[in-house]
PDB file of all heavy atoms in Angstrom:
ATOM      1  N   ILE A   1      72.151 117.598 114.903  1.00  0.00           N
ATOM      2  CA  ILE A   1      73.450 117.153 114.461  1.00  0.00           C
ATOM      3  C   ILE A   1      74.384 118.027 115.287  1.00  0.00           C
ATOM      4  O   ILE A   1      74.636 119.229 114.946  1.00  0.00           O
ATOM      5  CB  ILE A   1      73.738 117.372 112.950  1.00  0.00           C
ATOM      6  CG1 ILE A   1      72.636 116.550 112.152  1.00  0.00           C
ATOM      7  CG2 ILE A   1      75.086 116.916 112.567  1.00  0.00           C
ATOM      8  CD1 ILE A   1      72.730 116.708 110.666  1.00  0.00           C
ATOM      9  N   PRO A   2      75.091 117.525 116.272  1.00  0.00           N
ATOM     10  CA  PRO A   2      76.043 118.266 117.043  1.00  0.00           C
ATOM     11  C   PRO A   2      77.403 118.190 116.387  1.00  0.00           C
ATOM     12  O   PRO A   2      77.907 117.095 115.960  1.00  0.00           O
ATOM     13  CB  PRO A   2      76.084 117.648 118.363  1.00  0.00           C
ATOM     14  CG  PRO A   2      75.721 116.215 118.124  1.00  0.00           C
ATOM     15  CD  PRO A   2      74.885 116.130 116.848  1.00  0.00           C
ATOM     16  N   LEU A   3      78.087 119.291 116.247  1.00  0.00           N
ATOM     17  CA  LEU A   3      79.470 119.341 115.586  1.00  0.00           C
ATOM     18  C   LEU A   3      80.410 120.126 116.483  1.00  0.00           C
ATOM     19  O   LEU A   3      80.163 121.368 116.743  1.00  0.00           O
ATOM     20  CB  LEU A   3      79.340 120.055 114.211  1.00  0.00           C
ATOM     21  CG  LEU A   3      78.456 119.316 113.188  1.00  0.00           C
ATOM     22  CD1 LEU A   3      78.291 120.252 111.956  1.00  0.00           C
ATOM     23  CD2 LEU A   3      79.046 117.907 112.780  1.00  0.00           C
ATOM     24  N   SER A   4      81.500 119.637 116.928  1.00  0.00           N
ATOM     25  CA  SER A   4      82.428 120.324 117.713  1.00  0.00           C
ATOM     26  C   SER A   4      83.263 121.245 116.778  1.00  0.00           C
ATOM     27  O   SER A   4      83.855 120.788 115.810  1.00  0.00           O
ATOM     28  CB  SER A   4      83.417 119.302 118.362  1.00  0.00           C
ATOM     29  OG  SER A   4      84.563 119.885 118.911  1.00  0.00           O
ATOM     30  N   GLN A   5      83.220 122.430 117.172  1.00  0.00           N
ATOM     31  CA  GLN A   5      84.008 123.455 116.236  1.00  0.00           C
ATOM     32  C   GLN A   5      85.476 123.128 116.138  1.00  0.00           C
ATOM     33  O   GLN A   5      86.015 123.181 115.031  1.00  0.00           O
ATOM     34  CB  GLN A   5      83.809 124.876 116.824  1.00  0.00           C
ATOM     35  CG  GLN A   5      82.303 125.356 116.861  1.00  0.00           C
ATOM     36  CD  GLN A   5      82.152 126.627 117.612  1.00  0.00           C
ATOM     37  OE1 GLN A   5      82.953 127.560 117.538  1.00  0.00           O
ATOM     38  NE2 GLN A   5      81.032 126.762 118.329  1.00  0.00           N
ATOM     39  N   SER A   6      86.071 122.723 117.262  1.00  0.00           N
ATOM     40  CA  SER A   6      87.530 122.475 117.228  1.00  0.00           C
ATOM     41  C   SER A   6      87.794 121.099 116.502  1.00  0.00           C
ATOM     42  O   SER A   6      88.823 120.967 115.826  1.00  0.00           O
ATOM     43  CB  SER A   6      88.117 122.453 118.591  1.00  0.00           C
ATOM     44  OG  SER A   6      87.416 121.475 119.347  1.00  0.00           O
ATOM     45  N   MET A   7      86.889 120.130 116.625  1.00  0.00           N
ATOM     46  CA  MET A   7      87.192 118.867 116.080  1.00  0.00           C
ATOM     47  C   MET A   7      86.933 118.968 114.528  1.00  0.00           C
ATOM     48  O   MET A   7      87.425 117.938 113.889  1.00  0.00           O
ATOM     49  CB  MET A   7      86.324 117.849 116.720  1.00  0.00           C
ATOM     50  CG  MET A   7      86.902 117.620 118.144  1.00  0.00           C
ATOM     51  SD  MET A   7      85.918 116.311 119.037  1.00  0.00           S
ATOM     52  CE  MET A   7      86.379 114.918 118.137  1.00  0.00           C
ATOM     53  N   LEU A   8      86.148 119.834 114.006  1.00  0.00           N
ATOM     54  CA  LEU A   8      86.165 119.979 112.569  1.00  0.00           C
ATOM     55  C   LEU A   8      87.492 120.192 111.889  1.00  0.00           C
ATOM     56  O   LEU A   8      87.697 120.121 110.667  1.00  0.00           O
ATOM     57  CB  LEU A   8      85.242 121.194 112.160  1.00  0.00           C
ATOM     58  CG  LEU A   8      83.682 120.890 112.438  1.00  0.00           C
ATOM     59  CD1 LEU A   8      82.958 122.132 112.095  1.00  0.00           C
ATOM     60  CD2 LEU A   8      83.158 119.730 111.618  1.00  0.00           C
ATOM     61  N   GLN A   9      88.466 120.513 112.634  1.00  0.00           N
ATOM     62  CA  GLN A   9      89.838 120.680 112.174  1.00  0.00           C
ATOM     63  C   GLN A   9      90.500 119.309 111.853  1.00  0.00           C
ATOM     64  O   GLN A   9      91.513 119.311 111.097  1.00  0.00           O
ATOM     65  CB  GLN A   9      90.672 121.499 113.246  1.00  0.00           C
ATOM     66  CG  GLN A   9      92.138 121.817 112.846  1.00  0.00           C
ATOM     67  CD  GLN A   9      92.171 122.906 111.778  1.00  0.00           C
ATOM     68  OE1 GLN A   9      91.129 123.519 111.430  1.00  0.00           O
ATOM     69  NE2 GLN A   9      93.306 123.199 111.253  1.00  0.00           N
ATOM     70  N   LEU A  10      89.855 118.280 112.350  1.00  0.00           N
ATOM     71  CA  LEU A  10      90.535 117.025 112.211  1.00  0.00           C
ATOM     72  C   LEU A  10      89.914 116.165 111.132  1.00  0.00           C
ATOM     73  O   LEU A  10      88.755 115.842 111.081  1.00  0.00           O
ATOM     74  CB  LEU A  10      90.321 116.189 113.559  1.00  0.00           C
ATOM     75  CG  LEU A  10      90.807 116.891 114.826  1.00  0.00           C
ATOM     76  CD1 LEU A  10      90.373 116.166 116.014  1.00  0.00           C
ATOM     77  CD2 LEU A  10      92.314 117.230 114.778  1.00  0.00           C
ATOM     78  N   PRO A  11      90.739 115.830 110.091  1.00  0.00           N
ATOM     79  CA  PRO A  11      90.156 114.974 109.026  1.00  0.00           C
ATOM     80  C   PRO A  11      89.416 113.679 109.345  1.00  0.00           C
ATOM     81  O   PRO A  11      88.425 113.370 108.800  1.00  0.00           O
ATOM     82  CB  PRO A  11      91.414 114.745 108.129  1.00  0.00           C
ATOM     83  CG  PRO A  11      92.373 115.755 108.455  1.00  0.00           C
ATOM     84  CD  PRO A  11      92.182 116.078 109.932  1.00  0.00           C
ATOM     85  N   TRP A  12      89.951 112.983 110.453  1.00  0.00           N
ATOM     86  CA  TRP A  12      89.219 111.802 110.840  1.00  0.00           C
ATOM     87  C   TRP A  12      87.833 112.113 111.379  1.00  0.00           C
ATOM     88  O   TRP A  12      86.911 111.262 111.150  1.00  0.00           O
ATOM     89  CB  TRP A  12      90.108 110.995 111.869  1.00  0.00           C
ATOM     90  CG  TRP A  12      90.069 111.532 113.252  1.00  0.00           C
ATOM     91  CD1 TRP A  12      91.153 112.308 113.840  1.00  0.00           C
ATOM     92  CD2 TRP A  12      89.142 111.361 114.267  1.00  0.00           C
ATOM     93  NE1 TRP A  12      90.763 112.614 115.115  1.00  0.00           N
ATOM     94  CE2 TRP A  12      89.531 112.054 115.435  1.00  0.00           C
ATOM     95  CE3 TRP A  12      87.854 110.746 114.297  1.00  0.00           C
ATOM     96  CZ2 TRP A  12      88.774 112.181 116.578  1.00  0.00           C
ATOM     97  CZ3 TRP A  12      87.144 110.797 115.472  1.00  0.00           C
ATOM     98  CH2 TRP A  12      87.587 111.508 116.664  1.00  0.00           C
ATOM     99  N   PHE A  13      87.687 113.230 112.078  1.00  0.00           N
ATOM    100  CA  PHE A  13      86.375 113.568 112.541  1.00  0.00           C
ATOM    101  C   PHE A  13      85.455 113.895 111.391  1.00  0.00           C
ATOM    102  O   PHE A  13      84.248 113.574 111.341  1.00  0.00           O
ATOM    103  CB  PHE A  13      86.529 114.766 113.565  1.00  0.00           C
ATOM    104  CG  PHE A  13      85.201 115.255 114.181  1.00  0.00           C
ATOM    105  CD1 PHE A  13      84.568 114.443 115.105  1.00  0.00           C
ATOM    106  CD2 PHE A  13      84.575 116.359 113.611  1.00  0.00           C
ATOM    107  CE1 PHE A  13      83.353 114.891 115.575  1.00  0.00           C
ATOM    108  CE2 PHE A  13      83.410 116.728 114.181  1.00  0.00           C
ATOM    109  CZ  PHE A  13      82.772 116.029 115.132  1.00  0.00           C
ATOM    110  N   ASP A  14      85.913 114.636 110.421  1.00  0.00           N
ATOM    111  CA  ASP A  14      85.158 115.059 109.244  1.00  0.00           C
ATOM    112  C   ASP A  14      84.609 113.698 108.508  1.00  0.00           C
ATOM    113  O   ASP A  14      83.510 113.703 108.135  1.00  0.00           O
ATOM    114  CB  ASP A  14      85.973 115.880 108.267  1.00  0.00           C
ATOM    115  CG  ASP A  14      86.486 117.211 108.908  1.00  0.00           C
ATOM    116  OD1 ASP A  14      85.821 117.656 109.859  1.00  0.00           O
ATOM    117  OD2 ASP A  14      87.473 117.754 108.382  1.00  0.00           O
ATOM    118  N   THR A  15      85.581 112.740 108.378  1.00  0.00           N
ATOM    119  CA  THR A  15      85.167 111.591 107.771  1.00  0.00           C
ATOM    120  C   THR A  15      84.109 110.827 108.528  1.00  0.00           C
ATOM    121  O   THR A  15      83.133 110.280 107.947  1.00  0.00           O
ATOM    122  CB  THR A  15      86.508 110.610 107.605  1.00  0.00           C
ATOM    123  OG1 THR A  15      87.376 111.319 106.819  1.00  0.00           O
ATOM    124  CG2 THR A  15      86.037 109.346 107.020  1.00  0.00           C
ATOM    125  N   PHE A  16      84.253 110.801 109.908  1.00  0.00           N
ATOM    126  CA  PHE A  16      83.191 110.176 110.719  1.00  0.00           C
ATOM    127  C   PHE A  16      81.895 110.814 110.547  1.00  0.00           C
ATOM    128  O   PHE A  16      80.827 110.240 110.386  1.00  0.00           O
ATOM    129  CB  PHE A  16      83.720 110.299 112.093  1.00  0.00           C
ATOM    130  CG  PHE A  16      82.613 109.885 113.178  1.00  0.00           C
ATOM    131  CD1 PHE A  16      82.301 108.530 113.336  1.00  0.00           C
ATOM    132  CD2 PHE A  16      81.943 110.812 113.902  1.00  0.00           C
ATOM    133  CE1 PHE A  16      81.287 108.091 114.242  1.00  0.00           C
ATOM    134  CE2 PHE A  16      80.964 110.407 114.783  1.00  0.00           C
ATOM    135  CZ  PHE A  16      80.635 109.067 114.967  1.00  0.00           C
ATOM    136  N   ILE A  17      81.802 112.149 110.611  1.00  0.00           N
ATOM    137  CA  ILE A  17      80.568 112.886 110.438  1.00  0.00           C
ATOM    138  C   ILE A  17      80.001 112.763 109.084  1.00  0.00           C
ATOM    139  O   ILE A  17      78.830 112.598 108.854  1.00  0.00           O
ATOM    140  CB  ILE A  17      80.815 114.412 110.688  1.00  0.00           C
ATOM    141  CG1 ILE A  17      81.216 114.640 112.234  1.00  0.00           C
ATOM    142  CG2 ILE A  17      79.522 115.175 110.428  1.00  0.00           C
ATOM    143  CD1 ILE A  17      80.105 114.109 113.173  1.00  0.00           C
ATOM    144  N   TYR A  18      80.920 112.648 108.108  1.00  0.00           N
ATOM    145  CA  TYR A  18      80.458 112.455 106.655  1.00  0.00           C
ATOM    146  C   TYR A  18      79.765 111.135 106.525  1.00  0.00           C
ATOM    147  O   TYR A  18      78.735 111.035 105.802  1.00  0.00           O
ATOM    148  CB  TYR A  18      81.640 112.651 105.676  1.00  0.00           C
ATOM    149  CG  TYR A  18      81.293 112.421 104.259  1.00  0.00           C
ATOM    150  CD1 TYR A  18      80.586 113.410 103.529  1.00  0.00           C
ATOM    151  CD2 TYR A  18      81.661 111.301 103.507  1.00  0.00           C
ATOM    152  CE1 TYR A  18      80.331 113.331 102.220  1.00  0.00           C
ATOM    153  CE2 TYR A  18      81.312 111.159 102.206  1.00  0.00           C
ATOM    154  CZ  TYR A  18      80.669 112.085 101.575  1.00  0.00           C
ATOM    155  OH  TYR A  18      80.337 111.937 100.229  1.00  0.00           O
ATOM    156  N   LYS A  19      80.217 110.121 107.140  1.00  0.00           N
ATOM    157  CA  LYS A  19      79.659 108.751 107.048  1.00  0.00           C
ATOM    158  C   LYS A  19      78.292 108.814 107.711  1.00  0.00           C
ATOM    159  O   LYS A  19      77.347 108.061 107.210  1.00  0.00           O
ATOM    160  CB  LYS A  19      80.537 107.740 107.705  1.00  0.00           C
ATOM    161  CG  LYS A  19      81.841 107.425 106.973  1.00  0.00           C
ATOM    162  CD  LYS A  19      82.686 106.466 107.719  1.00  0.00           C
ATOM    163  CE  LYS A  19      83.898 106.054 106.917  1.00  0.00           C
ATOM    164  NZ  LYS A  19      84.745 105.112 107.619  1.00  0.00           N
ATOM    165  N   ARG A  20      78.109 109.482 108.801  1.00  0.00           N
ATOM    166  CA  ARG A  20      76.835 109.612 109.426  1.00  0.00           C
ATOM    167  C   ARG A  20      75.859 110.530 108.764  1.00  0.00           C
ATOM    168  O   ARG A  20      74.668 110.277 108.749  1.00  0.00           O
ATOM    169  CB  ARG A  20      77.055 110.065 110.909  1.00  0.00           C
ATOM    170  CG  ARG A  20      77.510 109.055 111.906  1.00  0.00           C
ATOM    171  CD  ARG A  20      77.362 109.496 113.289  1.00  0.00           C
ATOM    172  NE  ARG A  20      77.494 108.394 114.205  1.00  0.00           N
ATOM    173  CZ  ARG A  20      77.101 108.478 115.557  1.00  0.00           C
ATOM    174  NH1 ARG A  20      76.720 109.583 116.067  1.00  0.00           N
ATOM    175  NH2 ARG A  20      77.247 107.420 116.314  1.00  0.00           N
ATOM    176  N   HIS A  21      76.398 111.644 108.236  1.00  0.00           N
ATOM    177  CA  HIS A  21      75.511 112.674 107.568  1.00  0.00           C
ATOM    178  C   HIS A  21      76.094 113.044 106.188  1.00  0.00           C
ATOM    179  O   HIS A  21      76.591 114.226 106.088  1.00  0.00           O
ATOM    180  CB  HIS A  21      75.363 113.897 108.513  1.00  0.00           C
ATOM    181  CG  HIS A  21      74.990 113.489 109.949  1.00  0.00           C
ATOM    182  ND1 HIS A  21      73.653 113.236 110.298  1.00  0.00           N
ATOM    183  CD2 HIS A  21      75.697 113.523 111.103  1.00  0.00           C
ATOM    184  CE1 HIS A  21      73.563 112.905 111.556  1.00  0.00           C
ATOM    185  NE2 HIS A  21      74.748 113.069 112.027  1.00  0.00           N
ATOM    186  N   PRO A  22      76.041 112.196 105.281  1.00  0.00           N
ATOM    187  CA  PRO A  22      76.645 112.537 103.989  1.00  0.00           C
ATOM    188  C   PRO A  22      76.057 113.747 103.278  1.00  0.00           C
ATOM    189  O   PRO A  22      76.783 114.486 102.549  1.00  0.00           O
ATOM    190  CB  PRO A  22      76.554 111.284 103.207  1.00  0.00           C
ATOM    191  CG  PRO A  22      75.319 110.527 103.822  1.00  0.00           C
ATOM    192  CD  PRO A  22      75.447 110.846 105.269  1.00  0.00           C
ATOM    193  N   ASN A  23      74.830 114.097 103.569  1.00  0.00           N
ATOM    194  CA  ASN A  23      74.226 115.197 102.908  1.00  0.00           C
ATOM    195  C   ASN A  23      74.526 116.572 103.556  1.00  0.00           C
ATOM    196  O   ASN A  23      74.166 117.604 103.117  1.00  0.00           O
ATOM    197  CB  ASN A  23      72.687 115.051 102.917  1.00  0.00           C
ATOM    198  CG  ASN A  23      72.221 113.872 102.059  1.00  0.00           C
ATOM    199  OD1 ASN A  23      72.802 113.541 101.068  1.00  0.00           O
ATOM    200  ND2 ASN A  23      71.125 113.186 102.461  1.00  0.00           N
ATOM    201  N   LEU A  24      75.319 116.438 104.691  1.00  0.00           N
ATOM    202  CA  LEU A  24      75.686 117.639 105.360  1.00  0.00           C
ATOM    203  C   LEU A  24      76.692 118.409 104.633  1.00  0.00           C
ATOM    204  O   LEU A  24      76.883 119.653 104.672  1.00  0.00           O
ATOM    205  CB  LEU A  24      76.212 117.320 106.753  1.00  0.00           C
ATOM    206  CG  LEU A  24      76.467 118.411 107.776  1.00  0.00           C
ATOM    207  CD1 LEU A  24      75.118 118.987 108.194  1.00  0.00           C
ATOM    208  CD2 LEU A  24      77.158 117.863 109.004  1.00  0.00           C
ATOM    209  N   PHE A  25      77.669 117.731 103.846  1.00  0.00           N
ATOM    210  CA  PHE A  25      78.791 118.306 103.132  1.00  0.00           C
ATOM    211  C   PHE A  25      78.547 118.286 101.626  1.00  0.00           C
ATOM    212  O   PHE A  25      77.714 117.450 101.202  1.00  0.00           O
ATOM    213  CB  PHE A  25      80.045 117.559 103.433  1.00  0.00           C
ATOM    214  CG  PHE A  25      80.403 117.438 104.893  1.00  0.00           C
ATOM    215  CD1 PHE A  25      79.896 116.377 105.576  1.00  0.00           C
ATOM    216  CD2 PHE A  25      81.287 118.361 105.435  1.00  0.00           C
ATOM    217  CE1 PHE A  25      80.286 116.270 107.010  1.00  0.00           C
ATOM    218  CE2 PHE A  25      81.693 118.189 106.782  1.00  0.00           C
ATOM    219  CZ  PHE A  25      81.210 117.160 107.498  1.00  0.00           C
ATOM    220  N   SER A  26      79.274 119.075 100.860  1.00  0.00           N
ATOM    221  CA  SER A  26      79.374 118.912  99.452  1.00  0.00           C
ATOM    222  C   SER A  26      80.093 117.648  99.063  1.00  0.00           C
ATOM    223  O   SER A  26      79.951 116.993  98.047  1.00  0.00           O
ATOM    224  CB  SER A  26      79.832 120.139  98.741  1.00  0.00           C
ATOM    225  OG  SER A  26      81.177 120.357  99.086  1.00  0.00           O
ATOM    226  N   LYS A  27      81.137 117.404  99.925  1.00  0.00           N
ATOM    227  CA  LYS A  27      81.933 116.165  99.811  1.00  0.00           C
ATOM    228  C   LYS A  27      82.589 115.973 101.155  1.00  0.00           C
ATOM    229  O   LYS A  27      82.576 116.855 102.038  1.00  0.00           O
ATOM    230  CB  LYS A  27      82.928 116.210  98.690  1.00  0.00           C
ATOM    231  CG  LYS A  27      83.916 117.406  98.737  1.00  0.00           C
ATOM    232  CD  LYS A  27      84.751 117.394  97.440  1.00  0.00           C
ATOM    233  CE  LYS A  27      85.674 118.663  97.504  1.00  0.00           C
ATOM    234  NZ  LYS A  27      86.496 118.613  96.332  1.00  0.00           N
ATOM    235  N   ASN A  28      83.309 114.848 101.319  1.00  0.00           N
ATOM    236  CA  ASN A  28      83.947 114.560 102.654  1.00  0.00           C
ATOM    237  C   ASN A  28      84.792 115.777 103.054  1.00  0.00           C
ATOM    238  O   ASN A  28      85.643 116.285 102.249  1.00  0.00           O
ATOM    239  CB  ASN A  28      84.819 113.297 102.501  1.00  0.00           C
ATOM    240  CG  ASN A  28      85.432 112.865 103.822  1.00  0.00           C
ATOM    241  OD1 ASN A  28      85.640 113.602 104.649  1.00  0.00           O
ATOM    242  ND2 ASN A  28      85.601 111.563 103.948  1.00  0.00           N
ATOM    243  N   GLY A  29      84.637 116.191 104.248  1.00  0.00           N
ATOM    244  CA  GLY A  29      85.366 117.441 104.747  1.00  0.00           C
ATOM    245  C   GLY A  29      86.885 117.373 104.610  1.00  0.00           C
ATOM    246  O   GLY A  29      87.510 118.277 104.339  1.00  0.00           O
ATOM    247  N   SER A  30      87.396 116.142 104.808  1.00  0.00           N
ATOM    248  CA  SER A  30      88.832 116.033 104.644  1.00  0.00           C
ATOM    249  C   SER A  30      89.339 116.244 103.262  1.00  0.00           C
ATOM    250  O   SER A  30      90.447 116.597 103.004  1.00  0.00           O
ATOM    251  CB  SER A  30      89.311 114.602 105.014  1.00  0.00           C
ATOM    252  OG  SER A  30      88.746 113.606 104.310  1.00  0.00           O
ATOM    253  N   ALA A  31      88.435 116.129 102.257  1.00  0.00           N
ATOM    254  CA  ALA A  31      88.811 116.397 100.831  1.00  0.00           C
ATOM    255  C   ALA A  31      88.576 117.815 100.483  1.00  0.00           C
ATOM    256  O   ALA A  31      89.089 118.293  99.527  1.00  0.00           O
ATOM    257  CB  ALA A  31      88.013 115.507  99.915  1.00  0.00           C
ATOM    258  N   LEU A  32      87.833 118.519 101.285  1.00  0.00           N
ATOM    259  CA  LEU A  32      87.493 119.909 101.013  1.00  0.00           C
ATOM    260  C   LEU A  32      88.746 120.784 101.116  1.00  0.00           C
ATOM    261  O   LEU A  32      89.038 121.626 100.267  1.00  0.00           O
ATOM    262  CB  LEU A  32      86.481 120.521 102.014  1.00  0.00           C
ATOM    263  CG  LEU A  32      85.038 120.068 101.744  1.00  0.00           C
ATOM    264  CD1 LEU A  32      84.228 120.497 103.012  1.00  0.00           C
ATOM    265  CD2 LEU A  32      84.459 120.652 100.509  1.00  0.00           C
ATOM    266  N   GLU A  33      89.625 120.481 102.154  1.00  0.00           N
ATOM    267  CA  GLU A  33      90.858 121.209 102.338  1.00  0.00           C
ATOM    268  C   GLU A  33      91.706 120.240 103.119  1.00  0.00           C
ATOM    269  O   GLU A  33      91.641 120.151 104.398  1.00  0.00           O
ATOM    270  CB  GLU A  33      90.586 122.474 103.107  1.00  0.00           C
ATOM    271  CG  GLU A  33      91.882 123.228 103.550  1.00  0.00           C
ATOM    272  CD  GLU A  33      92.684 123.549 102.372  1.00  0.00           C
ATOM    273  OE1 GLU A  33      92.185 124.028 101.286  1.00  0.00           O
ATOM    274  OE2 GLU A  33      93.902 123.186 102.379  1.00  0.00           O
ATOM    275  N   PRO A  34      92.637 119.537 102.431  1.00  0.00           N
ATOM    276  CA  PRO A  34      93.401 118.474 103.107  1.00  0.00           C
ATOM    277  C   PRO A  34      94.480 119.073 104.063  1.00  0.00           C
ATOM    278  O   PRO A  34      94.988 118.388 104.950  1.00  0.00           O
ATOM    279  CB  PRO A  34      94.144 117.718 101.980  1.00  0.00           C
ATOM    280  CG  PRO A  34      94.054 118.715 100.900  1.00  0.00           C
ATOM    281  CD  PRO A  34      92.813 119.552 101.061  1.00  0.00           C
ATOM    282  N   SER A  35      94.857 120.382 103.955  1.00  0.00           N
ATOM    283  CA  SER A  35      95.858 120.946 104.838  1.00  0.00           C
ATOM    284  C   SER A  35      95.209 121.654 106.022  1.00  0.00           C
ATOM    285  O   SER A  35      93.995 122.022 105.954  1.00  0.00           O
ATOM    286  CB  SER A  35      96.712 121.920 104.096  1.00  0.00           C
ATOM    287  OG  SER A  35      95.999 123.033 103.545  1.00  0.00           O
ATOM    288  N   PRO A  36      95.984 121.810 107.132  1.00  0.00           N
ATOM    289  CA  PRO A  36      95.414 122.496 108.315  1.00  0.00           C
ATOM    290  C   PRO A  36      94.975 123.872 108.061  1.00  0.00           C
ATOM    291  O   PRO A  36      94.054 124.454 108.823  1.00  0.00           O
ATOM    292  CB  PRO A  36      96.559 122.395 109.318  1.00  0.00           C
ATOM    293  CG  PRO A  36      97.447 121.278 108.748  1.00  0.00           C
ATOM    294  CD  PRO A  36      97.305 121.393 107.356  1.00  0.00           C
ATOM    295  N   VAL A  37      95.507 124.610 107.145  1.00  0.00           N
ATOM    296  CA  VAL A  37      95.196 125.990 106.844  1.00  0.00           C
ATOM    297  C   VAL A  37      95.018 126.312 105.356  1.00  0.00           C
ATOM    298  O   VAL A  37      95.435 125.409 104.559  1.00  0.00           O
ATOM    299  CB  VAL A  37      96.372 126.980 107.433  1.00  0.00           C
ATOM    300  CG1 VAL A  37      96.371 126.881 108.899  1.00  0.00           C
ATOM    301  CG2 VAL A  37      97.629 126.723 106.803  1.00  0.00           C
ATOM    302  N   LYS A  38      94.424 127.346 105.013  1.00  0.00           N
ATOM    303  CA  LYS A  38      94.179 127.609 103.646  1.00  0.00           C
ATOM    304  C   LYS A  38      94.344 129.149 103.529  1.00  0.00           C
ATOM    305  O   LYS A  38      93.908 129.952 104.306  1.00  0.00           O
ATOM    306  CB  LYS A  38      92.639 127.328 103.316  1.00  0.00           C
ATOM    307  CG  LYS A  38      92.288 127.700 101.839  1.00  0.00           C
ATOM    308  CD  LYS A  38      90.846 127.337 101.585  1.00  0.00           C
ATOM    309  CE  LYS A  38      90.366 127.760 100.186  1.00  0.00           C
ATOM    310  NZ  LYS A  38      90.950 126.854  99.161  1.00  0.00           N
TER     311      LYS A  38
END
């Protein structure tokens, strides 16, 4: 499973990966942290 470190910053990319590998996350990455910073 290749994951671009920089593209994990993008909610659309997290959603794409989540659809392909739902067991990779606890939930869709875009829902983990909706803002760019925490």
